[in-house]
Amino acid sequence: MFGLCLLISYLAYLIATAFWRCKDWARLLTIGFSALELVFIPRHATISSRFISVIDILYLFTPHVRSVFRAVVTEGRTTRFGSTPLEKKLNVAPDLSNSSSGQKLLASKIP
């Protein structure tokens, strides 16, 4: 019994890590688990659990979320000014607050 609990928690850890790294298979697996929960949910389950499953599925199918999970993220590769390939694709400004080159860049643009 303890081994089964350990295996389930390890699988949950792997899925959560993949979700954090925006892996598309984790998004699809979550959609599948939410759909299974809707189909095989007990009769005495609350409306709120069904509502949360539907919201999960709808949110994971929105175009913005799909594009983030399908973007190719190359970890460890940044440009000189700190933009990652994902930030460039999504037109997000890099966080320049903690880098010394970012402070030099901001200082050079101030008249």
C-alpha atoms as a PDB file:
ATOM      1  CA  MET A   1       0.000   0.000   0.000  1.00  0.00           C
ATOM      2  CA  PHE A   2       2.822   2.405   0.860  1.00  0.00           C
ATOM      3  CA  GLY A   3       4.530   1.658  -2.480  1.00  0.00           C
ATOM      4  CA  LEU A   4       1.351   2.504  -4.378  1.00  0.00           C
ATOM      5  CA  CYS A   5       1.040   5.847  -2.574  1.00  0.00           C
ATOM      6  CA  LEU A   6       4.687   6.563  -3.318  1.00  0.00           C
ATOM      7  CA  LEU A   7       4.198   5.746  -7.003  1.00  0.00           C
ATOM      8  CA  ILE A   8       1.120   7.965  -7.288  1.00  0.00           C
ATOM      9  CA  SER A   9       2.895  10.869  -5.608  1.00  0.00           C
ATOM     10  CA  TYR A  10       5.890  10.462  -7.913  1.00  0.00           C
ATOM     11  CA  LEU A  11       3.604  10.525 -10.967  1.00  0.00           C
ATOM     12  CA  ALA A  12       1.906  13.652  -9.620  1.00  0.00           C
ATOM     13  CA  TYR A  13       5.338  15.235  -9.178  1.00  0.00           C
ATOM     14  CA  LEU A  14       6.313  14.397 -12.773  1.00  0.00           C
ATOM     15  CA  ILE A  15       3.084  15.829 -14.164  1.00  0.00           C
ATOM     16  CA  ALA A  16       3.396  18.982 -12.053  1.00  0.00           C
ATOM     17  CA  THR A  17       6.988  19.486 -13.186  1.00  0.00           C
ATOM     18  CA  ALA A  18       5.968  19.043 -16.817  1.00  0.00           C
ATOM     19  CA  PHE A  19       3.133  21.509 -16.299  1.00  0.00           C
ATOM     20  CA  TRP A  20       5.570  24.028 -14.808  1.00  0.00           C
ATOM     21  CA  ARG A  21       7.822  23.617 -17.856  1.00  0.00           C
ATOM     22  CA  CYS A  22       4.836  24.061 -20.211  1.00  0.00           C
ATOM     23  CA  LYS A  23       4.986  20.627 -21.800  1.00  0.00           C
ATOM     24  CA  ASP A  24       2.039  20.019 -24.096  1.00  0.00           C
ATOM     25  CA  TRP A  25       1.640  16.383 -23.028  1.00  0.00           C
ATOM     26  CA  ALA A  26       0.970  17.543 -19.452  1.00  0.00           C
ATOM     27  CA  ARG A  27      -1.798  19.835 -20.702  1.00  0.00           C
ATOM     28  CA  LEU A  28      -3.369  17.013 -22.717  1.00  0.00           C
ATOM     29  CA  LEU A  29      -3.080  14.603 -19.780  1.00  0.00           C
ATOM     30  CA  THR A  30      -4.817  17.104 -17.505  1.00  0.00           C
ATOM     31  CA  ILE A  31      -7.609  17.557 -20.041  1.00  0.00           C
ATOM     32  CA  GLY A  32      -7.988  13.781 -20.215  1.00  0.00           C
ATOM     33  CA  PHE A  33      -8.105  13.380 -16.429  1.00  0.00           C
ATOM     34  CA  SER A  34     -10.673  16.174 -16.130  1.00  0.00           C
ATOM     35  CA  ALA A  35     -12.820  14.577 -18.821  1.00  0.00           C
ATOM     36  CA  LEU A  36     -12.582  11.188 -17.092  1.00  0.00           C
ATOM     37  CA  GLU A  37     -13.610  12.837 -13.850  1.00  0.00           C
ATOM     38  CA  LEU A  38     -16.683  14.282 -15.552  1.00  0.00           C
ATOM     39  CA  VAL A  39     -17.661  10.938 -17.085  1.00  0.00           C
ATOM     40  CA  PHE A  40     -16.989   8.666 -14.110  1.00  0.00           C
ATOM     41  CA  ILE A  41     -17.899  11.083 -11.325  1.00  0.00           C
ATOM     42  CA  PRO A  42     -20.122   9.589  -8.610  1.00  0.00           C
ATOM     43  CA  ARG A  43     -23.731  10.688  -8.402  1.00  0.00           C
ATOM     44  CA  HIS A  44     -23.279  12.186  -4.970  1.00  0.00           C
ATOM     45  CA  ALA A  45     -20.422  14.469  -6.105  1.00  0.00           C
ATOM     46  CA  THR A  46     -20.941  18.159  -5.670  1.00  0.00           C
ATOM     47  CA  ILE A  47     -21.714  20.608  -8.413  1.00  0.00           C
ATOM     48  CA  SER A  48     -18.553  22.535  -7.561  1.00  0.00           C
ATOM     49  CA  SER A  49     -16.271  19.615  -8.487  1.00  0.00           C
ATOM     50  CA  ARG A  50     -17.997  19.268 -11.854  1.00  0.00           C
ATOM     51  CA  PHE A  51     -17.825  23.022 -12.363  1.00  0.00           C
ATOM     52  CA  ILE A  52     -14.077  23.040 -11.634  1.00  0.00           C
ATOM     53  CA  SER A  53     -13.480  20.199 -14.111  1.00  0.00           C
ATOM     54  CA  VAL A  54     -15.380  22.046 -16.840  1.00  0.00           C
ATOM     55  CA  ILE A  55     -13.483  25.278 -16.107  1.00  0.00           C
ATOM     56  CA  ASP A  56     -10.170  23.364 -16.269  1.00  0.00           C
ATOM     57  CA  ILE A  57     -11.016  21.912 -19.657  1.00  0.00           C
ATOM     58  CA  LEU A  58     -12.265  25.212 -21.083  1.00  0.00           C
ATOM     59  CA  TYR A  59      -9.226  27.121 -19.821  1.00  0.00           C
ATOM     60  CA  LEU A  60      -6.732  24.612 -21.197  1.00  0.00           C
ATOM     61  CA  PHE A  61      -8.377  24.890 -24.634  1.00  0.00           C
ATOM     62  CA  THR A  62      -8.097  28.702 -24.853  1.00  0.00           C
ATOM     63  CA  PRO A  63      -5.830  29.870 -27.684  1.00  0.00           C
ATOM     64  CA  HIS A  64      -3.397  31.711 -25.419  1.00  0.00           C
ATOM     65  CA  VAL A  65      -2.814  28.692 -23.183  1.00  0.00           C
ATOM     66  CA  ARG A  66      -2.498  26.360 -26.167  1.00  0.00           C
ATOM     67  CA  SER A  67       0.116  28.618 -27.768  1.00  0.00           C
ATOM     68  CA  VAL A  68       2.168  28.782 -24.575  1.00  0.00           C
ATOM     69  CA  PHE A  69       2.187  25.003 -24.178  1.00  0.00           C
ATOM     70  CA  ARG A  70       2.989  24.413 -27.839  1.00  0.00           C
ATOM     71  CA  ALA A  71       5.820  26.942 -27.991  1.00  0.00           C
ATOM     72  CA  VAL A  72       9.277  25.468 -28.135  1.00  0.00           C
ATOM     73  CA  VAL A  73      11.170  26.545 -25.054  1.00  0.00           C
ATOM     74  CA  THR A  74      14.913  26.168 -25.132  1.00  0.00           C
ATOM     75  CA  GLU A  75      16.072  26.273 -21.542  1.00  0.00           C
ATOM     76  CA  GLY A  76      19.337  27.970 -20.756  1.00  0.00           C
ATOM     77  CA  ARG A  77      19.514  29.951 -23.997  1.00  0.00           C
ATOM     78  CA  THR A  78      19.047  33.658 -23.665  1.00  0.00           C
ATOM     79  CA  THR A  79      20.082  36.558 -25.816  1.00  0.00           C
ATOM     80  CA  ARG A  80      22.505  39.204 -24.687  1.00  0.00           C
ATOM     81  CA  PHE A  81      19.754  41.304 -23.117  1.00  0.00           C
ATOM     82  CA  GLY A  82      17.954  38.459 -21.369  1.00  0.00           C
ATOM     83  CA  SER A  83      15.055  37.619 -23.699  1.00  0.00           C
ATOM     84  CA  THR A  84      14.349  33.926 -24.055  1.00  0.00           C
ATOM     85  CA  PRO A  85      12.973  32.548 -27.332  1.00  0.00           C
ATOM     86  CA  LEU A  86       9.569  32.145 -25.664  1.00  0.00           C
ATOM     87  CA  GLU A  87       9.546  35.794 -24.556  1.00  0.00           C
ATOM     88  CA  LYS A  88      10.349  36.856 -28.105  1.00  0.00           C
ATOM     89  CA  LYS A  89       7.569  34.698 -29.537  1.00  0.00           C
ATOM     90  CA  LEU A  90       5.003  36.036 -27.063  1.00  0.00           C
ATOM     91  CA  ASN A  91       6.314  39.641 -27.301  1.00  0.00           C
ATOM     92  CA  VAL A  92       6.972  39.789 -23.574  1.00  0.00           C
ATOM     93  CA  ALA A  93       9.605  42.147 -22.268  1.00  0.00           C
ATOM     94  CA  PRO A  94      12.406  40.480 -20.319  1.00  0.00           C
ATOM     95  CA  ASP A  95      12.773  41.099 -16.612  1.00  0.00           C
ATOM     96  CA  LEU A  96      15.717  43.483 -16.471  1.00  0.00           C
ATOM     97  CA  SER A  97      15.480  44.308 -12.783  1.00  0.00           C
ATOM     98  CA  ASN A  98      18.014  41.735 -11.555  1.00  0.00           C
ATOM     99  CA  SER A  99      20.652  41.826 -14.276  1.00  0.00           C
ATOM    100  CA  SER A 100      23.557  44.217 -14.430  1.00  0.00           C
ATOM    101  CA  SER A 101      23.419  44.339 -18.240  1.00  0.00           C
ATOM    102  CA  GLY A 102      19.753  45.240 -17.953  1.00  0.00           C
ATOM    103  CA  GLN A 103      20.593  48.151 -15.680  1.00  0.00           C
ATOM    104  CA  LYS A 104      23.224  49.355 -18.189  1.00  0.00           C
ATOM    105  CA  LEU A 105      20.685  49.001 -20.991  1.00  0.00           C
ATOM    106  CA  LEU A 106      18.065  50.986 -19.082  1.00  0.00           C
ATOM    107  CA  ALA A 107      20.620  53.650 -18.157  1.00  0.00           C
ATOM    108  CA  SER A 108      21.731  54.039 -21.773  1.00  0.00           C
ATOM    109  CA  LYS A 109      18.153  54.632 -22.966  1.00  0.00           C
ATOM    110  CA  ILE A 110      17.407  57.375 -20.428  1.00  0.00           C
ATOM    111  CA  PRO A 111      18.178  60.823 -21.954  1.00  0.00           C
END
